[in-house]
Protein backbone atom coordinates (compact mmCIF):
# COMPACT_ATOMS: atom_id res chain seq x y z
CA MET A 1 12.84 138.65 101.76
CA ILE A 2 12.30 141.31 104.45
CA ASP A 3 12.15 140.75 108.21
CA SER A 4 9.90 143.64 109.22
CA HIS A 5 10.65 143.50 112.98
CA CYS A 6 13.53 142.12 115.02
CA HIS A 7 15.94 143.15 117.77
CA LEU A 8 19.45 142.73 116.39
CA ASP A 9 20.99 144.31 119.46
CA TYR A 10 19.74 141.29 121.44
CA CYS A 11 20.98 138.74 118.89
CA ASP A 12 24.29 137.13 119.71
CA ASP A 13 24.35 134.92 116.60
CA PRO A 14 27.12 136.24 114.29
CA LEU A 15 24.94 135.31 111.30
CA ALA A 16 21.95 137.32 112.55
CA VAL A 17 22.60 140.01 109.94
CA ASP A 18 21.89 137.68 107.03
CA PRO A 19 23.09 139.19 103.71
CA SER A 20 20.50 137.11 101.84
CA LEU A 21 17.73 139.24 103.32
CA THR A 22 16.87 142.36 101.35
CA ALA A 23 16.15 144.30 104.53
CA ILE A 24 16.11 143.75 108.27
CA ILE A 25 14.12 146.20 110.38
CA SER A 26 15.73 146.30 113.84
CA VAL A 27 13.83 147.89 116.73
CA GLY A 28 15.31 149.65 119.74
CA THR A 29 13.36 149.47 123.00
CA THR A 30 15.22 151.86 125.33
CA LEU A 31 17.41 154.88 124.65
CA VAL A 32 20.58 152.81 125.07
CA ARG A 33 19.25 150.13 122.75
CA CYS A 34 18.09 152.71 120.21
CA ARG A 35 21.63 154.07 120.03
CA ALA A 36 22.94 150.54 119.44
CA THR A 37 20.27 149.84 116.83
CA VAL A 38 21.06 152.97 114.82
CA ALA A 39 24.76 152.05 114.98
CA LEU A 40 23.93 148.63 113.51
CA ALA A 41 21.94 150.30 110.73
CA GLU A 42 24.94 152.50 109.96
CA ARG A 43 27.21 149.45 109.86
CA PHE A 44 25.11 147.12 107.67
CA ALA A 45 23.58 148.16 104.35
CA ASN A 46 20.52 145.90 104.69
CA VAL A 47 19.69 146.92 108.29
CA TRP A 48 17.21 149.72 109.05
CA ALA A 49 16.30 151.07 112.46
CA VAL A 50 13.20 151.85 114.50
CA VAL A 51 13.59 154.01 117.61
CA GLY A 52 11.31 154.44 120.59
CA ILE A 53 10.55 153.23 124.10
CA HIS A 54 8.92 149.86 124.80
CA PRO A 55 5.83 149.93 127.05
CA ASN A 56 7.66 147.87 129.68
CA ASP A 57 10.21 150.71 129.86
CA ALA A 58 7.68 153.53 129.54
CA PHE A 59 8.93 155.29 132.69
CA GLU A 60 12.02 156.18 130.65
CA ALA A 61 9.84 158.17 128.25
CA GLN A 62 8.92 160.54 131.07
CA GLU A 63 12.43 161.98 131.01
CA ALA A 64 12.79 165.10 128.83
CA GLU A 65 16.35 164.27 127.81
CA VAL A 66 15.28 160.81 126.64
CA ARG A 67 12.53 162.26 124.47
CA THR A 68 14.92 164.83 123.03
CA GLU A 69 17.50 162.23 122.03
CA ILE A 70 14.94 159.76 120.65
CA ALA A 71 13.47 162.58 118.55
CA ALA A 72 16.95 163.38 117.24
CA LEU A 73 17.68 159.73 116.43
CA ALA A 74 14.31 159.46 114.68
CA ARG A 75 15.56 161.93 112.07
CA HIS A 76 18.49 159.69 111.11
CA PRO A 77 18.21 158.69 107.42
CA LYS A 78 18.18 154.98 108.29
CA VAL A 79 15.40 155.26 110.88
CA VAL A 80 12.17 154.20 109.20
CA ALA A 81 9.61 154.08 112.03
CA ILE A 82 8.87 154.98 115.65
CA GLY A 83 8.27 152.52 118.49
CA GLU A 84 7.67 149.95 119.58
CA SER A 85 5.15 151.46 121.94
CA GLY A 86 1.77 150.35 123.24
CA PHE A 87 0.39 148.39 126.17
CA ASP A 88 1.72 145.39 128.07
CA ASP A 89 0.15 144.11 131.28
CA TYR A 90 1.65 140.63 130.97
CA TRP A 91 4.63 141.60 133.16
CA ASP A 92 2.91 144.31 135.24
CA ARG A 93 6.06 146.43 135.18
CA VAL A 94 4.51 149.80 134.25
CA ASP A 95 1.05 151.17 134.98
CA GLN A 96 -1.31 151.75 132.07
CA ALA A 97 -1.42 155.54 132.51
CA THR A 98 2.36 155.78 132.03
CA GLN A 99 2.20 153.49 129.01
CA ARG A 100 -0.57 155.67 127.57
CA GLN A 101 1.53 158.84 127.94
CA SER A 102 4.50 157.14 126.26
CA LEU A 103 2.35 155.92 123.37
CA ARG A 104 0.83 159.36 122.83
CA TRP A 105 4.26 160.99 122.68
CA GLN A 106 5.56 158.42 120.20
CA ALA A 107 2.44 158.67 118.05
CA GLU A 108 2.86 162.44 117.92
CA LEU A 109 6.51 162.02 116.93
CA ALA A 110 5.54 159.53 114.20
CA ALA A 111 2.94 161.96 112.84
CA GLU A 112 5.39 164.87 112.96
CA LEU A 113 7.95 162.90 110.93
CA ASP A 114 5.35 161.09 108.76
CA LYS A 115 6.70 157.70 109.81
CA PRO A 116 4.90 154.49 110.79
CA LEU A 117 4.22 153.76 114.45
CA ILE A 118 5.01 150.23 115.65
CA LEU A 119 2.45 148.99 118.19
CA HIS A 120 3.25 146.39 120.85
CA VAL A 121 0.33 144.76 122.67
CA ARG A 122 0.60 141.91 125.16
CA ASP A 123 -2.20 140.82 127.47
CA LYS A 124 -2.13 138.72 130.58
CA GLN A 125 -2.98 135.10 129.84
CA ASN A 126 -6.71 134.89 129.01
CA GLY A 127 -6.98 138.67 129.36
CA GLU A 128 -7.66 141.52 126.94
CA GLN A 129 -7.02 144.68 128.95
CA SER A 130 -4.03 145.78 126.89
CA SER A 131 -5.71 144.95 123.57
CA LYS A 132 -8.80 146.96 124.46
CA ALA A 133 -6.70 149.88 125.68
CA ALA A 134 -4.66 149.84 122.48
CA ALA A 135 -7.76 149.71 120.26
CA ALA A 136 -9.30 152.69 122.08
CA MET A 137 -6.03 154.63 121.91
CA LEU A 138 -5.61 154.02 118.18
CA ARG A 139 -9.08 155.39 117.52
CA GLU A 140 -8.31 158.39 119.71
CA LEU A 141 -4.95 159.14 118.10
CA GLY A 142 -6.16 158.67 114.52
CA TRP A 143 -2.65 158.22 113.06
CA HIS A 144 -3.04 156.40 109.77
CA LYS A 145 0.39 154.82 109.33
CA GLY A 146 1.42 151.95 111.57
CA VAL A 147 1.92 148.26 112.27
CA LEU A 148 0.12 145.89 114.61
CA HIS A 149 3.37 144.15 115.48
CA CYS A 150 3.34 140.42 116.37
CA PHE A 151 -0.43 140.59 116.06
CA ASN A 152 -2.30 138.69 118.77
CA GLY A 153 -5.62 138.16 116.93
CA HIS A 154 -7.81 140.45 119.07
CA PRO A 155 -10.84 141.43 116.91
CA GLU A 156 -11.39 144.92 118.34
CA LEU A 157 -7.72 145.80 117.92
CA LEU A 158 -7.76 144.43 114.37
CA GLU A 159 -10.81 146.51 113.47
CA ALA A 160 -9.22 149.68 114.85
CA GLY A 161 -5.99 149.08 112.96
CA LEU A 162 -7.59 148.17 109.65
CA THR A 163 -9.94 151.16 109.80
CA LEU A 164 -6.93 153.46 110.13
CA GLY A 165 -5.12 151.76 107.25
CA TRP A 166 -2.52 149.99 109.38
CA SER A 167 -0.54 146.90 108.42
CA VAL A 168 -0.71 143.63 110.37
CA SER A 169 2.53 141.76 111.05
CA PHE A 170 2.71 138.06 111.85
CA ALA A 171 5.57 136.55 113.83
CA GLY A 172 6.58 132.97 114.63
CA ASN A 173 3.54 132.42 116.86
CA LEU A 174 1.48 132.20 113.68
CA THR A 175 3.09 128.80 113.07
CA TYR A 176 2.10 127.37 116.47
CA PRO A 177 -0.57 124.64 116.32
CA GLY A 178 -2.70 126.24 119.01
CA ALA A 179 -3.01 129.59 117.21
CA GLN A 180 -6.21 128.68 115.38
CA ALA A 181 -7.89 132.08 115.84
CA LEU A 182 -4.77 133.79 114.50
CA HIS A 183 -4.78 131.43 111.51
CA ALA A 184 -8.31 132.54 110.64
CA VAL A 185 -7.29 136.21 110.75
CA ALA A 186 -4.26 135.57 108.55
CA LYS A 187 -6.37 133.81 105.93
CA ALA A 188 -8.88 136.66 105.69
CA LEU A 189 -6.70 139.77 105.74
CA PRO A 190 -6.37 141.91 102.59
CA ALA A 191 -3.06 141.15 100.89
CA ASP A 192 -1.93 144.78 100.99
CA ARG A 193 -1.94 144.79 104.82
CA LEU A 194 0.29 141.72 105.33
CA LEU A 195 3.75 141.80 106.87
CA VAL A 196 5.94 139.05 108.33
CA GLU A 197 8.55 139.34 111.06
CA THR A 198 10.69 137.28 113.41
CA ASP A 199 10.82 139.46 116.54
CA SER A 200 14.29 137.88 116.88
CA PRO A 201 15.72 136.59 119.10
CA PHE A 202 12.25 135.77 120.44
CA MET A 203 9.14 134.05 118.99
CA THR A 204 10.97 131.36 117.01
CA PRO A 205 8.71 129.75 114.38
CA VAL A 206 8.14 126.05 113.80
CA PRO A 207 10.27 124.06 112.86
CA LYS A 208 12.97 125.99 114.78
CA ARG A 209 10.84 126.50 117.90
CA GLY A 210 12.89 126.04 121.06
CA GLN A 211 15.99 127.59 119.47
CA ARG A 212 17.09 131.20 119.60
CA ASN A 213 15.47 133.07 116.72
CA VAL A 214 17.28 134.85 113.86
CA PRO A 215 15.98 137.07 111.03
CA ALA A 216 16.47 134.39 108.36
CA ASN A 217 13.69 132.37 110.03
CA VAL A 218 11.19 134.87 108.65
CA ARG A 219 10.97 132.54 105.65
CA TYR A 220 9.31 129.84 107.79
CA THR A 221 6.58 132.23 108.89
CA ALA A 222 6.12 133.44 105.33
CA ALA A 223 5.82 129.85 104.08
CA PHE A 224 3.25 129.03 106.76
CA LEU A 225 1.26 132.15 105.89
CA ALA A 226 1.37 131.19 102.23
CA ALA A 227 0.02 127.71 102.97
CA LEU A 228 -2.80 129.17 105.07
CA ARG A 229 -3.82 131.42 102.20
CA GLY A 230 -3.43 128.80 99.47
CA GLU A 231 -0.54 130.64 97.84
CA THR A 232 3.08 129.88 97.10
CA SER A 233 5.93 131.06 99.29
CA GLU A 234 7.18 133.13 96.38
CA GLN A 235 3.85 134.92 96.08
CA ILE A 236 3.70 135.75 99.78
CA GLU A 237 7.32 136.88 99.85
CA ALA A 238 6.67 139.25 96.94
CA VAL A 239 3.55 140.65 98.60
CA THR A 240 5.05 141.14 102.06
CA ASP A 241 8.28 142.58 100.65
CA ARG A 242 6.30 145.03 98.56
CA ASN A 243 4.18 146.04 101.54
CA ALA A 244 7.19 146.54 103.82
CA THR A 245 9.05 148.53 101.19
CA ARG A 246 6.12 150.82 100.62
CA LEU A 247 5.36 151.33 104.31
CA PHE A 248 8.95 151.93 105.45
CA GLY A 249 10.14 153.70 102.27
CA LEU A 250 13.01 151.28 101.75
CA PRO A 251 15.34 151.95 98.82
CA VAL A 252 17.50 149.50 96.90
CA ALA A 253 20.71 149.93 94.92
CA GLY A 254 20.40 152.62 92.30
CA GLY A 255 17.70 154.46 94.23
CA GLN A 256 14.77 152.42 92.92
CA ALA A 257 11.98 151.51 95.26
CA LEU A 258 11.83 147.77 95.83
CA SER A 259 8.08 147.92 95.24
CA ARG A 260 8.77 149.05 91.69
CA VAL A 261 11.20 146.17 91.17
CA LEU A 262 8.59 143.68 92.39
CA ASN A 263 5.71 145.11 90.33
């Protein structure tokens, strides 16, 4: 099983790096956290890193030295994607123009290195400003390799991502009873676009909701997704593992691609 998005540098649980997981994709959100995330990937064989600047820290991406070091880290052999970048007006910490500049830079870096771009989108409650901005920006950028991380269900954003060939990743909020619109999206998506994640230590799925999240809980989200789609947990795990392996280029022992092992 693969957790396609978490933040191990935030996780204080000593069992967060679960050896039973084939791969854990850990995402840095600032330069300091990207350094820590790459160090974790160097330390643990089943941990892989994503480097970039979160939209709530997008002012950091205006600094030339930050961009230079992120670009250098992005070339590390265990860095498999760029981000997470995007739009977030939930906290109102950074203006949209600055977030847009940060996203454009990270998308250009992803294209230069031929790596996926991880997109973060969070709207104010009952709003859609960030989702609409992200959809428009995706169409403008045209980069064909990426992930709608912790997907929020917005139809325009979904259309933009699917048109470009992006993957759609579901986190623990998929398991929440009130997420009916998200359930409908998860049922209908093509199997080859599906990913599952924990976003640890946040977004804990049912039945662990209320506790601090860990990567192993990805199995609860996968099981819920399987039930929605009328499939077994084993089937969904095989599909999402294959998709993550293909997208991130993850190897296994002996140099085989995991997708070949699963096929």
